[in-house]
Amino acid sequence: MDAVEYLNKFKKATEQLDPKRIHEKQLEVAVGEVLDSVFLKLYKKSWASPFQEPLTAQSRIFFSVWINKEAIEEQKILYNIHAFKLRHLQGYKIQSRKFAELFRTGFTNFEHKWPNVSVDFGPLTLMEGWLKLALENMEGDILELANGFLEIEYLIDDTLAHFKTN
């Protein structure tokens, strides 16, 4: 896999995101490479342990679009929402399974908009799916997935509100 080529495609896709909308929603955008995968992540600092880097914090929630060698071989772009160790998220008393169940209840109204999506996972992966890889439209597909997340990101805040302690 030519990581540089894919990093460029992911960066070009993020450059097309509406910066005003990202700012209004208090979202952060990251593009990078980890574990032989190129990724785009959308997240809020408030969805991570305070005083820790939100991308690597002990407790964190983020949306991710990624590609790696296996995905390319299967002609897929992968996406998901992860929720790591929410029981440690300061200011909340979260039971991960209840959080996932509540999030997924709200997500059912949007499920039809997400290709090949599944919520049949443990509480770590709130949802996951894939798109057929079309190299000629990869940037557009990444952008479409990211914009799709912008439509549902409030579900995370709404779900977190149920578990707020203060």
Protein backbone atom coordinates (compact mmCIF):
# COMPACT_ATOMS: atom_id res chain seq x y z
CA MET A 1 0.00 0.00 0.00
CA ASP A 2 1.34 3.42 -0.93
CA ALA A 3 0.53 5.27 2.30
CA VAL A 4 1.59 8.65 0.89
CA GLU A 5 -0.88 8.36 -1.98
CA TYR A 6 -3.73 7.47 0.37
CA LEU A 7 -2.75 10.11 2.92
CA ASN A 8 -3.01 12.69 0.13
CA LYS A 9 -6.48 11.45 -0.83
CA PHE A 10 -7.65 11.58 2.78
CA LYS A 11 -6.19 15.07 3.26
CA LYS A 12 -7.85 16.33 0.06
CA ALA A 13 -11.17 14.97 1.28
CA THR A 14 -10.85 16.74 4.65
CA GLU A 15 -9.99 20.01 2.91
CA GLN A 16 -13.50 19.89 1.43
CA LEU A 17 -15.21 19.69 4.82
CA ASP A 18 -17.05 22.87 5.79
CA PRO A 19 -14.74 24.50 8.38
CA LYS A 20 -17.58 26.62 9.79
CA ARG A 21 -19.70 23.52 10.40
CA ILE A 22 -16.75 21.67 11.98
CA HIS A 23 -16.12 24.65 14.28
CA GLU A 24 -19.80 25.04 15.21
CA LYS A 25 -19.99 21.38 16.18
CA GLN A 26 -16.70 21.68 18.13
CA LEU A 27 -15.24 18.82 16.14
CA GLU A 28 -11.57 18.14 15.52
CA VAL A 29 -10.24 16.52 12.34
CA ALA A 30 -7.17 14.31 12.12
CA VAL A 31 -5.63 12.49 9.17
CA GLY A 32 -2.73 10.14 9.71
CA GLU A 33 -1.32 6.66 9.68
CA VAL A 34 -1.47 4.07 12.45
CA LEU A 35 -1.10 0.28 12.46
CA ASP A 36 -0.47 0.20 8.67
CA SER A 37 -3.75 2.06 8.07
CA VAL A 38 -4.42 5.54 6.74
CA PHE A 39 -7.24 7.23 8.63
CA LEU A 40 -9.49 10.24 9.01
CA LYS A 41 -10.87 10.78 12.51
CA LEU A 42 -13.55 13.18 13.68
CA TYR A 43 -13.87 13.71 17.42
CA LYS A 44 -14.53 16.21 20.17
CA LYS A 45 -12.08 16.96 22.95
CA SER A 46 -15.02 16.62 25.35
CA TRP A 47 -15.37 12.99 24.25
CA ALA A 48 -11.94 12.12 25.68
CA SER A 49 -10.22 12.00 29.05
CA PRO A 50 -9.17 15.52 30.02
CA PHE A 51 -5.49 16.46 29.99
CA GLN A 52 -4.75 13.66 27.52
CA GLU A 53 -4.31 13.77 23.76
CA PRO A 54 -7.86 13.06 22.46
CA LEU A 55 -6.58 10.72 19.72
CA THR A 56 -4.82 8.47 22.22
CA ALA A 57 -6.64 9.19 25.50
CA GLN A 58 -7.49 6.28 27.76
CA SER A 59 -11.18 7.05 27.38
CA ARG A 60 -12.40 8.42 24.03
CA ILE A 61 -15.05 8.38 21.33
CA PHE A 62 -14.34 9.04 17.67
CA PHE A 63 -15.59 8.47 14.14
CA SER A 64 -13.05 6.97 11.76
CA VAL A 65 -12.73 6.26 8.06
CA TRP A 66 -9.73 4.16 7.13
CA ILE A 67 -8.03 1.99 4.59
CA ASN A 68 -5.26 -0.58 4.81
CA LYS A 69 -3.77 -3.31 2.64
CA GLU A 70 -6.51 -5.84 3.47
CA ALA A 71 -9.27 -3.33 2.78
CA ILE A 72 -7.71 -2.46 -0.57
CA GLU A 73 -7.52 -6.15 -1.47
CA GLU A 74 -11.22 -6.46 -0.58
CA GLN A 75 -11.94 -3.18 -2.42
CA LYS A 76 -13.38 -1.48 0.65
CA ILE A 77 -13.18 1.79 2.53
CA LEU A 78 -13.99 1.10 6.18
CA TYR A 79 -15.69 3.33 8.75
CA ASN A 80 -16.88 3.13 12.35
CA ILE A 81 -17.55 4.86 15.63
CA HIS A 82 -15.43 3.64 18.52
CA ALA A 83 -16.02 4.21 22.22
CA PHE A 84 -12.99 3.24 24.34
CA LYS A 85 -13.19 2.70 28.12
CA LEU A 86 -16.09 5.06 28.73
CA ARG A 87 -16.32 4.05 32.37
CA HIS A 88 -13.20 6.23 32.87
CA LEU A 89 -14.64 9.34 31.18
CA GLN A 90 -14.52 12.11 33.78
CA GLY A 91 -17.85 13.70 34.68
CA TYR A 92 -19.88 10.66 33.66
CA LYS A 93 -20.91 7.35 35.19
CA ILE A 94 -21.14 5.16 32.10
CA GLN A 95 -21.83 1.49 31.73
CA SER A 96 -20.49 0.78 28.25
CA ARG A 97 -23.19 -1.68 27.22
CA LYS A 98 -25.98 0.70 28.25
CA PHE A 99 -24.25 3.56 26.44
CA ALA A 100 -23.94 1.48 23.25
CA GLU A 101 -27.56 0.33 23.47
CA LEU A 102 -28.85 3.88 23.92
CA PHE A 103 -26.68 5.23 21.08
CA ARG A 104 -27.82 2.45 18.75
CA THR A 105 -31.47 3.15 19.55
CA GLY A 106 -31.01 6.70 18.26
CA PHE A 107 -28.90 5.52 15.34
CA THR A 108 -31.66 3.26 13.99
CA ASN A 109 -33.28 6.36 12.45
CA PHE A 110 -30.14 6.91 10.34
CA GLU A 111 -29.02 3.34 9.69
CA HIS A 112 -30.51 3.31 6.18
CA LYS A 113 -28.16 6.13 5.16
CA TRP A 114 -25.01 4.15 6.02
CA PRO A 115 -23.93 1.53 3.45
CA ASN A 116 -23.16 -1.96 4.70
CA VAL A 117 -23.43 -0.83 8.31
CA SER A 118 -23.79 -3.09 11.32
CA VAL A 119 -24.32 -2.45 15.01
CA ASP A 120 -23.82 -6.10 15.95
CA PHE A 121 -20.72 -5.53 18.05
CA GLY A 122 -19.80 -5.19 21.67
CA PRO A 123 -19.84 -1.75 23.28
CA LEU A 124 -16.41 -0.78 21.90
CA THR A 125 -17.68 -0.44 18.32
CA LEU A 126 -20.94 1.49 18.25
CA MET A 127 -21.34 0.95 14.50
CA GLU A 128 -19.15 -0.17 11.62
CA GLY A 129 -19.49 -0.47 7.88
CA TRP A 130 -17.81 -0.16 4.53
CA LEU A 131 -18.11 1.31 1.06
CA LYS A 132 -16.93 -0.28 -2.17
CA LEU A 133 -13.53 1.22 -2.96
CA ALA A 134 -13.63 3.31 -6.13
CA LEU A 135 -10.20 4.94 -6.45
CA GLU A 136 -11.50 7.52 -8.93
CA ASN A 137 -14.03 8.77 -6.35
CA MET A 138 -12.25 7.93 -3.12
CA GLU A 139 -12.01 11.54 -1.93
CA GLY A 140 -15.73 12.03 -2.58
CA ASP A 141 -16.59 8.84 -0.71
CA ILE A 142 -14.48 9.84 2.29
CA LEU A 143 -16.11 13.27 2.28
CA GLU A 144 -19.58 11.72 2.06
CA LEU A 145 -18.89 9.50 5.08
CA ALA A 146 -17.47 12.42 7.09
CA ASN A 147 -20.46 14.61 6.21
CA GLY A 148 -22.74 11.74 7.18
CA PHE A 149 -21.13 11.71 10.60
CA LEU A 150 -21.72 15.46 10.92
CA GLU A 151 -25.43 14.66 10.64
CA ILE A 152 -25.38 12.20 13.55
CA GLU A 153 -22.60 13.41 15.86
CA TYR A 154 -25.20 14.92 18.18
CA LEU A 155 -26.32 11.36 19.03
CA ILE A 156 -23.07 10.94 20.97
CA ASP A 157 -23.66 14.12 23.00
CA ASP A 158 -27.30 13.17 23.58
CA THR A 159 -26.26 9.72 24.76
CA LEU A 160 -23.52 11.11 27.01
CA ALA A 161 -26.08 13.46 28.62
CA HIS A 162 -27.89 10.43 30.07
CA PHE A 163 -24.80 9.54 32.06
CA LYS A 164 -23.64 13.00 33.25
CA THR A 165 -22.83 13.10 36.98
CA ASN A 166 -22.51 16.84 37.59
